[in-house]
Amino acid sequence: MRATPRFVKPSIQDHLLPYLSASGKKVGVMGFCWGGWITIRSCSLPGVACGVAMHPTMNMEGFHGGSAHEAYSEVQAPLMCLAAGSDPDEVKPGGPLDASMQRGQKLLEIHEFKEMKHGWFPRGDVSDAKVKHGVALAYDMALKFLNEHLR
């Protein structure tokens, strides 16, 4: 197993998690695009109770000398992945993220929003009824997941 990338470990594990954990509450992580990569990576750290990655971009893993497949195999916390239809197959149902989590028998909820384009949640045009519905549905799903794992 490869060590957690330098960017994630000191920033999150060594500084942010101790600060957040001092409250005695569980810590959840939610990220979009490159933040989805941080979310998936954070779910391999002790102290993270769960994560929600929306339309994650995993190419950041390669920039740090790793592979997305390694990152997927290291996830320990429950993870929800909400992929856009235009996202790579690796983060969709039946892709490598899904397969890795099933092999490790880890809790994963993975959903594809087929009509959405990458980035729809934080920056989609909600004047479009389909995008508005996709944003509302993703919000409700993420909130339910976080509430379930952070209570």
N, C-alpha and C. Protein backbone atom coordinates (compact mmCIF):
# COMPACT_ATOMS: atom_id res chain seq x y z
N MET A 1 0.84 -1.17 0.00
CA MET A 1 0.00 0.00 0.00
C MET A 1 0.89 1.25 0.00
N ARG A 2 0.64 2.15 -0.92
CA ARG A 2 1.40 3.38 -1.05
C ARG A 2 0.99 4.37 0.04
N ALA A 3 1.91 5.18 0.46
CA ALA A 3 1.61 6.19 1.49
C ALA A 3 0.66 7.23 0.94
N THR A 4 -0.15 7.78 1.81
CA THR A 4 -1.07 8.85 1.43
C THR A 4 -0.26 10.00 0.85
N PRO A 5 -0.72 10.62 -0.26
CA PRO A 5 0.03 11.72 -0.88
C PRO A 5 0.38 12.81 0.13
N ARG A 6 1.54 13.40 -0.06
CA ARG A 6 2.03 14.44 0.85
C ARG A 6 1.03 15.56 1.05
N PHE A 7 0.30 15.93 0.01
CA PHE A 7 -0.66 17.02 0.11
C PHE A 7 -1.78 16.69 1.10
N VAL A 8 -2.25 15.46 1.07
CA VAL A 8 -3.38 15.07 1.92
C VAL A 8 -2.95 14.88 3.36
N LYS A 9 -1.89 14.14 3.58
CA LYS A 9 -1.54 13.79 4.96
C LYS A 9 -1.25 14.99 5.85
N PRO A 10 -0.29 15.86 5.52
CA PRO A 10 -0.04 16.96 6.46
C PRO A 10 -1.20 17.94 6.54
N SER A 11 -1.84 18.19 5.43
CA SER A 11 -2.91 19.17 5.43
C SER A 11 -4.14 18.69 6.18
N ILE A 12 -4.53 17.47 5.96
CA ILE A 12 -5.77 16.97 6.54
C ILE A 12 -5.51 16.15 7.80
N GLN A 13 -4.68 15.11 7.68
CA GLN A 13 -4.48 14.20 8.81
C GLN A 13 -3.75 14.87 9.98
N ASP A 14 -2.73 15.64 9.69
CA ASP A 14 -1.91 16.19 10.76
C ASP A 14 -2.41 17.52 11.33
N HIS A 15 -3.21 18.25 10.58
CA HIS A 15 -3.64 19.56 11.03
C HIS A 15 -5.15 19.69 11.17
N LEU A 16 -5.88 19.41 10.10
CA LEU A 16 -7.32 19.64 10.09
C LEU A 16 -8.09 18.64 10.96
N LEU A 17 -7.81 17.35 10.82
CA LEU A 17 -8.56 16.35 11.59
C LEU A 17 -8.40 16.51 13.10
N PRO A 18 -7.19 16.72 13.62
CA PRO A 18 -7.10 16.93 15.08
C PRO A 18 -7.91 18.14 15.55
N TYR A 19 -7.89 19.19 14.77
CA TYR A 19 -8.65 20.39 15.12
C TYR A 19 -10.15 20.09 15.15
N LEU A 20 -10.65 19.44 14.09
CA LEU A 20 -12.08 19.13 14.01
C LEU A 20 -12.49 18.08 15.04
N SER A 21 -11.63 17.10 15.26
CA SER A 21 -11.96 16.02 16.19
C SER A 21 -11.99 16.48 17.64
N ALA A 22 -11.34 17.59 17.93
CA ALA A 22 -11.31 18.10 19.31
C ALA A 22 -12.71 18.43 19.82
N SER A 23 -13.64 18.66 18.93
CA SER A 23 -15.02 18.96 19.34
C SER A 23 -15.74 17.70 19.81
N GLY A 24 -15.17 16.54 19.52
CA GLY A 24 -15.82 15.28 19.90
C GLY A 24 -16.86 14.82 18.89
N LYS A 25 -17.05 15.58 17.82
CA LYS A 25 -18.03 15.21 16.80
C LYS A 25 -17.35 14.44 15.68
N LYS A 26 -18.15 13.66 14.95
CA LYS A 26 -17.63 12.93 13.80
C LYS A 26 -17.31 13.91 12.68
N VAL A 27 -16.35 13.52 11.84
CA VAL A 27 -15.93 14.36 10.73
C VAL A 27 -16.33 13.70 9.42
N GLY A 28 -17.02 14.46 8.59
CA GLY A 28 -17.36 14.04 7.24
C GLY A 28 -16.72 15.00 6.26
N VAL A 29 -16.45 14.51 5.05
CA VAL A 29 -15.81 15.31 4.02
C VAL A 29 -16.70 15.30 2.79
N MET A 30 -16.83 16.46 2.15
CA MET A 30 -17.60 16.57 0.92
C MET A 30 -16.81 17.41 -0.06
N GLY A 31 -16.67 16.93 -1.28
CA GLY A 31 -15.90 17.68 -2.27
C GLY A 31 -16.46 17.53 -3.66
N PHE A 32 -16.11 18.50 -4.50
CA PHE A 32 -16.57 18.57 -5.88
C PHE A 32 -15.36 18.64 -6.80
N CYS A 33 -15.38 17.89 -7.89
CA CYS A 33 -14.31 17.89 -8.88
C CYS A 33 -12.99 17.48 -8.20
N TRP A 34 -11.98 18.35 -8.18
CA TRP A 34 -10.73 17.99 -7.51
C TRP A 34 -10.96 17.78 -6.03
N GLY A 35 -11.93 18.44 -5.46
CA GLY A 35 -12.31 18.21 -4.07
C GLY A 35 -12.86 16.80 -3.87
N GLY A 36 -13.40 16.20 -4.92
CA GLY A 36 -13.84 14.81 -4.86
C GLY A 36 -12.66 13.88 -4.68
N TRP A 37 -11.53 14.22 -5.30
CA TRP A 37 -10.30 13.45 -5.09
C TRP A 37 -9.87 13.57 -3.63
N ILE A 38 -9.90 14.78 -3.09
CA ILE A 38 -9.54 14.98 -1.68
C ILE A 38 -10.49 14.19 -0.78
N THR A 39 -11.77 14.17 -1.13
CA THR A 39 -12.75 13.41 -0.35
C THR A 39 -12.42 11.93 -0.35
N ILE A 40 -12.17 11.38 -1.52
CA ILE A 40 -11.86 9.94 -1.63
C ILE A 40 -10.57 9.64 -0.87
N ARG A 41 -9.57 10.48 -1.02
CA ARG A 41 -8.32 10.27 -0.29
C ARG A 41 -8.54 10.42 1.22
N SER A 42 -9.35 11.38 1.63
CA SER A 42 -9.60 11.60 3.05
C SER A 42 -10.30 10.41 3.69
N CYS A 43 -11.10 9.70 2.91
CA CYS A 43 -11.83 8.54 3.44
C CYS A 43 -10.90 7.37 3.75
N SER A 44 -9.61 7.52 3.47
CA SER A 44 -8.64 6.48 3.87
C SER A 44 -7.96 6.85 5.18
N LEU A 45 -8.27 8.01 5.73
CA LEU A 45 -7.60 8.48 6.95
C LEU A 45 -8.39 8.14 8.20
N PRO A 46 -7.69 7.73 9.27
CA PRO A 46 -8.38 7.53 10.54
C PRO A 46 -8.98 8.86 10.99
N GLY A 47 -10.17 8.82 11.50
CA GLY A 47 -10.81 10.04 11.97
C GLY A 47 -11.85 10.60 11.02
N VAL A 48 -11.88 10.12 9.78
CA VAL A 48 -12.91 10.55 8.83
C VAL A 48 -14.01 9.51 8.85
N ALA A 49 -15.22 9.95 9.19
CA ALA A 49 -16.36 9.03 9.35
C ALA A 49 -17.03 8.68 8.03
N CYS A 50 -17.00 9.59 7.05
CA CYS A 50 -17.64 9.34 5.77
C CYS A 50 -17.28 10.46 4.79
N GLY A 51 -17.63 10.25 3.53
CA GLY A 51 -17.38 11.27 2.53
C GLY A 51 -18.38 11.22 1.40
N VAL A 52 -18.60 12.38 0.79
CA VAL A 52 -19.43 12.49 -0.41
C VAL A 52 -18.60 13.18 -1.48
N ALA A 53 -18.37 12.48 -2.58
CA ALA A 53 -17.61 13.02 -3.70
C ALA A 53 -18.56 13.24 -4.87
N MET A 54 -18.72 14.50 -5.26
CA MET A 54 -19.57 14.80 -6.41
C MET A 54 -18.71 15.07 -7.62
N HIS A 55 -19.04 14.40 -8.69
CA HIS A 55 -18.29 14.44 -9.96
C HIS A 55 -16.79 14.58 -9.73
N PRO A 56 -16.19 13.55 -9.01
CA PRO A 56 -14.76 13.64 -8.69
C PRO A 56 -13.88 13.54 -9.93
N THR A 57 -12.79 14.29 -9.90
CA THR A 57 -11.75 14.21 -10.92
C THR A 57 -10.54 13.57 -10.28
N MET A 58 -10.25 12.35 -10.69
CA MET A 58 -9.19 11.58 -10.05
C MET A 58 -7.83 11.76 -10.70
N ASN A 59 -7.73 12.59 -11.74
CA ASN A 59 -6.41 12.76 -12.37
C ASN A 59 -5.42 13.46 -11.46
N MET A 60 -5.89 14.10 -10.38
CA MET A 60 -4.98 14.70 -9.41
C MET A 60 -4.10 13.64 -8.75
N GLU A 61 -4.61 12.43 -8.64
CA GLU A 61 -3.83 11.35 -8.03
C GLU A 61 -2.54 11.12 -8.80
N GLY A 62 -2.63 11.14 -10.13
CA GLY A 62 -1.45 10.96 -10.97
C GLY A 62 -0.46 12.09 -10.82
N PHE A 63 -0.95 13.31 -10.61
CA PHE A 63 -0.07 14.45 -10.41
C PHE A 63 0.77 14.30 -9.14
N HIS A 64 0.28 13.48 -8.21
CA HIS A 64 0.99 13.26 -6.94
C HIS A 64 1.69 11.91 -6.90
N GLY A 65 1.83 11.29 -8.07
CA GLY A 65 2.60 10.05 -8.17
C GLY A 65 1.84 8.79 -7.84
N GLY A 66 0.54 8.85 -7.71
CA GLY A 66 -0.25 7.66 -7.39
C GLY A 66 -1.16 7.27 -8.53
N SER A 67 -2.06 6.35 -8.25
CA SER A 67 -3.06 5.96 -9.23
C SER A 67 -4.43 5.96 -8.55
N ALA A 68 -5.44 6.24 -9.32
CA ALA A 68 -6.81 6.25 -8.79
C ALA A 68 -7.16 4.89 -8.21
N HIS A 69 -6.72 3.82 -8.85
CA HIS A 69 -7.03 2.47 -8.36
C HIS A 69 -6.47 2.25 -6.96
N GLU A 70 -5.27 2.75 -6.69
CA GLU A 70 -4.70 2.65 -5.34
C GLU A 70 -5.53 3.45 -4.35
N ALA A 71 -5.93 4.65 -4.76
CA ALA A 71 -6.74 5.50 -3.88
C ALA A 71 -8.05 4.80 -3.54
N TYR A 72 -8.68 4.18 -4.52
CA TYR A 72 -9.95 3.49 -4.27
C TYR A 72 -9.76 2.34 -3.28
N SER A 73 -8.68 1.61 -3.43
CA SER A 73 -8.46 0.44 -2.57
C SER A 73 -8.15 0.82 -1.13
N GLU A 74 -7.74 2.05 -0.89
CA GLU A 74 -7.38 2.48 0.46
C GLU A 74 -8.53 3.10 1.23
N VAL A 75 -9.67 3.31 0.58
CA VAL A 75 -10.82 3.91 1.25
C VAL A 75 -11.28 3.00 2.39
N GLN A 76 -11.51 3.59 3.56
CA GLN A 76 -11.98 2.85 4.72
C GLN A 76 -13.36 3.32 5.19
N ALA A 77 -13.65 4.59 5.03
CA ALA A 77 -14.91 5.15 5.52
C ALA A 77 -16.02 5.01 4.48
N PRO A 78 -17.27 4.98 4.91
CA PRO A 78 -18.38 4.97 3.95
C PRO A 78 -18.24 6.15 2.97
N LEU A 79 -18.52 5.87 1.70
CA LEU A 79 -18.33 6.87 0.65
C LEU A 79 -19.54 6.88 -0.27
N MET A 80 -19.98 8.08 -0.63
CA MET A 80 -21.00 8.26 -1.66
C MET A 80 -20.33 8.99 -2.81
N CYS A 81 -20.53 8.48 -4.02
CA CYS A 81 -20.00 9.13 -5.22
C CYS A 81 -21.17 9.44 -6.13
N LEU A 82 -21.32 10.70 -6.49
CA LEU A 82 -22.37 11.15 -7.39
C LEU A 82 -21.71 11.66 -8.66
N ALA A 83 -21.74 10.84 -9.70
CA ALA A 83 -21.04 11.14 -10.95
C ALA A 83 -21.99 11.75 -11.96
N ALA A 84 -21.47 12.64 -12.78
CA ALA A 84 -22.22 13.19 -13.91
C ALA A 84 -22.12 12.23 -15.09
N GLY A 85 -23.06 12.33 -15.99
CA GLY A 85 -23.03 11.49 -17.18
C GLY A 85 -21.76 11.69 -18.00
N SER A 86 -21.20 12.89 -17.97
CA SER A 86 -19.99 13.18 -18.74
C SER A 86 -18.70 12.82 -18.00
N ASP A 87 -18.81 12.33 -16.77
CA ASP A 87 -17.62 11.94 -16.01
C ASP A 87 -17.07 10.61 -16.53
N PRO A 88 -15.80 10.32 -16.25
CA PRO A 88 -15.20 9.05 -16.69
C PRO A 88 -15.91 7.85 -16.05
N ASP A 89 -15.92 6.75 -16.76
CA ASP A 89 -16.57 5.54 -16.28
C ASP A 89 -15.99 5.04 -14.96
N GLU A 90 -14.75 5.41 -14.64
CA GLU A 90 -14.11 4.90 -13.42
C GLU A 90 -14.85 5.29 -12.15
N VAL A 91 -15.63 6.37 -12.16
CA VAL A 91 -16.35 6.80 -10.96
C VAL A 91 -17.86 6.56 -11.07
N LYS A 92 -18.26 5.72 -12.01
CA LYS A 92 -19.68 5.40 -12.21
C LYS A 92 -19.96 3.97 -11.75
N PRO A 93 -21.24 3.64 -11.59
CA PRO A 93 -21.58 2.26 -11.22
C PRO A 93 -20.93 1.26 -12.19
N GLY A 94 -20.32 0.23 -11.63
CA GLY A 94 -19.66 -0.80 -12.43
C GLY A 94 -18.22 -0.48 -12.80
N GLY A 95 -17.75 0.72 -12.48
CA GLY A 95 -16.38 1.13 -12.80
C GLY A 95 -15.40 0.69 -11.73
N PRO A 96 -14.14 1.07 -11.88
CA PRO A 96 -13.10 0.65 -10.93
C PRO A 96 -13.35 1.07 -9.48
N LEU A 97 -13.92 2.25 -9.24
CA LEU A 97 -14.23 2.64 -7.85
C LEU A 97 -15.22 1.66 -7.26
N ASP A 98 -16.27 1.38 -7.99
CA ASP A 98 -17.31 0.45 -7.56
C ASP A 98 -16.72 -0.94 -7.32
N ALA A 99 -15.93 -1.42 -8.26
CA ALA A 99 -15.34 -2.77 -8.14
C ALA A 99 -14.40 -2.86 -6.95
N SER A 100 -13.59 -1.83 -6.75
CA SER A 100 -12.64 -1.85 -5.64
C SER A 100 -13.35 -1.87 -4.30
N MET A 101 -14.39 -1.09 -4.19
CA MET A 101 -15.13 -1.03 -2.93
C MET A 101 -15.85 -2.35 -2.68
N GLN A 102 -16.38 -2.98 -3.72
CA GLN A 102 -17.06 -4.27 -3.54
C GLN A 102 -16.08 -5.35 -3.12
N ARG A 103 -14.89 -5.34 -3.73
CA ARG A 103 -13.87 -6.34 -3.36
C ARG A 103 -13.50 -6.22 -1.90
N GLY A 104 -13.41 -4.99 -1.42
CA GLY A 104 -13.06 -4.77 -0.03
C GLY A 104 -14.26 -4.76 0.90
N GLN A 105 -15.43 -5.02 0.34
CA GLN A 105 -16.69 -5.04 1.10
C GLN A 105 -16.85 -3.78 1.94
N LYS A 106 -16.63 -2.64 1.31
CA LYS A 106 -16.75 -1.36 1.98
C LYS A 106 -18.05 -0.69 1.55
N LEU A 107 -18.58 0.16 2.41
CA LEU A 107 -19.84 0.82 2.11
C LEU A 107 -19.64 1.91 1.07
N LEU A 108 -20.30 1.74 -0.06
CA LEU A 108 -20.25 2.70 -1.15
C LEU A 108 -21.63 2.87 -1.73
N GLU A 109 -22.04 4.10 -1.88
CA GLU A 109 -23.22 4.42 -2.68
C GLU A 109 -22.70 5.19 -3.87
N ILE A 110 -22.98 4.67 -5.06
CA ILE A 110 -22.49 5.31 -6.27
C ILE A 110 -23.66 5.47 -7.23
N HIS A 111 -23.83 6.69 -7.70
CA HIS A 111 -24.96 7.00 -8.58
C HIS A 111 -24.47 7.84 -9.74
N GLU A 112 -25.05 7.59 -10.90
CA GLU A 112 -24.74 8.39 -12.08
C GLU A 112 -25.94 9.27 -12.41
N PHE A 113 -25.67 10.54 -12.58
CA PHE A 113 -26.68 11.49 -13.02
C PHE A 113 -26.45 11.67 -14.52
N LYS A 114 -27.05 10.78 -15.31
CA LYS A 114 -26.75 10.65 -16.73
C LYS A 114 -26.95 11.93 -17.53
N GLU A 115 -27.93 12.72 -17.17
CA GLU A 115 -28.21 13.94 -17.94
C GLU A 115 -27.39 15.14 -17.49
N MET A 116 -26.60 14.97 -16.45
CA MET A 116 -25.82 16.10 -15.94
C MET A 116 -24.42 16.10 -16.55
N LYS A 117 -23.86 17.30 -16.64
CA LYS A 117 -22.50 17.47 -17.12
C LYS A 117 -21.59 17.72 -15.91
N HIS A 118 -20.32 17.35 -16.06
CA HIS A 118 -19.36 17.53 -14.98
C HIS A 118 -19.47 18.96 -14.42
N GLY A 119 -19.59 19.06 -13.11
CA GLY A 119 -19.66 20.36 -12.45
C GLY A 119 -21.08 20.86 -12.23
N TRP A 120 -22.07 20.02 -12.56
CA TRP A 120 -23.45 20.50 -12.49
C TRP A 120 -23.86 20.95 -11.10
N PHE A 121 -23.34 20.33 -10.06
CA PHE A 121 -23.84 20.66 -8.72
C PHE A 121 -23.48 22.08 -8.27
N PRO A 122 -22.21 22.46 -8.26
CA PRO A 122 -21.92 23.80 -7.75
C PRO A 122 -22.09 24.91 -8.78
N ARG A 123 -22.07 24.55 -10.08
CA ARG A 123 -22.10 25.62 -11.07
C ARG A 123 -23.04 25.37 -12.24
N GLY A 124 -23.98 24.43 -12.08
CA GLY A 124 -24.94 24.17 -13.13
C GLY A 124 -25.95 25.30 -13.26
N ASP A 125 -26.54 25.42 -14.42
CA ASP A 125 -27.55 26.44 -14.68
C ASP A 125 -28.91 25.96 -14.17
N VAL A 126 -29.27 26.37 -12.94
CA VAL A 126 -30.51 25.89 -12.33
C VAL A 126 -31.76 26.52 -12.93
N SER A 127 -31.59 27.40 -13.92
CA SER A 127 -32.77 27.87 -14.65
C SER A 127 -33.24 26.78 -15.63
N ASP A 128 -32.37 25.79 -15.89
CA ASP A 128 -32.73 24.60 -16.65
C ASP A 128 -33.37 23.62 -15.67
N ALA A 129 -34.61 23.22 -15.94
CA ALA A 129 -35.37 22.36 -15.02
C ALA A 129 -34.65 21.05 -14.72
N LYS A 130 -33.99 20.46 -15.72
CA LYS A 130 -33.28 19.19 -15.50
C LYS A 130 -32.11 19.38 -14.53
N VAL A 131 -31.37 20.46 -14.72
CA VAL A 131 -30.23 20.73 -13.83
C VAL A 131 -30.74 21.05 -12.43
N LYS A 132 -31.78 21.84 -12.34
CA LYS A 132 -32.36 22.18 -11.03
C LYS A 132 -32.78 20.91 -10.29
N HIS A 133 -33.42 20.00 -11.01
CA HIS A 133 -33.84 18.73 -10.40
C HIS A 133 -32.61 17.91 -9.98
N GLY A 134 -31.58 17.84 -10.85
CA GLY A 134 -30.36 17.09 -10.53
C GLY A 134 -29.66 17.64 -9.30
N VAL A 135 -29.60 18.96 -9.19
CA VAL A 135 -28.96 19.59 -8.03
C VAL A 135 -29.76 19.26 -6.77
N ALA A 136 -31.08 19.40 -6.84
CA ALA A 136 -31.93 19.14 -5.67
C ALA A 136 -31.83 17.67 -5.23
N LEU A 137 -31.84 16.76 -6.19
CA LEU A 137 -31.75 15.34 -5.88
C LEU A 137 -30.38 15.00 -5.26
N ALA A 138 -29.30 15.52 -5.85
CA ALA A 138 -27.97 15.26 -5.31
C ALA A 138 -27.83 15.83 -3.91
N TYR A 139 -28.36 17.02 -3.69
CA TYR A 139 -28.31 17.64 -2.36
C TYR A 139 -29.03 16.76 -1.34
N ASP A 140 -30.23 16.30 -1.68
CA ASP A 140 -31.00 15.46 -0.77
C ASP A 140 -30.29 14.15 -0.47
N MET A 141 -29.71 13.53 -1.51
CA MET A 141 -29.00 12.26 -1.32
C MET A 141 -27.78 12.45 -0.44
N ALA A 142 -27.01 13.50 -0.69
CA ALA A 142 -25.80 13.77 0.10
C ALA A 142 -26.15 14.07 1.55
N LEU A 143 -27.17 14.89 1.76
CA LEU A 143 -27.57 15.24 3.12
C LEU A 143 -28.03 14.01 3.89
N LYS A 144 -28.80 13.15 3.25
CA LYS A 144 -29.26 11.92 3.90
C LYS A 144 -28.06 11.03 4.27
N PHE A 145 -27.13 10.88 3.35
CA PHE A 145 -25.94 10.05 3.58
C PHE A 145 -25.11 10.61 4.74
N LEU A 146 -24.86 11.90 4.71
CA LEU A 146 -24.06 12.53 5.78
C LEU A 146 -24.76 12.41 7.13
N ASN A 147 -26.06 12.67 7.16
CA ASN A 147 -26.80 12.54 8.41
C ASN A 147 -26.74 11.12 8.95
N GLU A 148 -26.85 10.15 8.07
CA GLU A 148 -26.81 8.75 8.47
C GLU A 148 -25.47 8.37 9.11
N HIS A 149 -24.39 8.88 8.57
CA HIS A 149 -23.06 8.45 9.03
C HIS A 149 -22.40 9.40 10.03
N LEU A 150 -22.99 10.56 10.25
CA LEU A 150 -22.40 11.50 11.19
C LEU A 150 -23.18 11.63 12.48
N ARG A 151 -24.27 10.91 12.60
CA ARG A 151 -25.05 10.97 13.85
C ARG A 151 -24.53 9.97 14.83
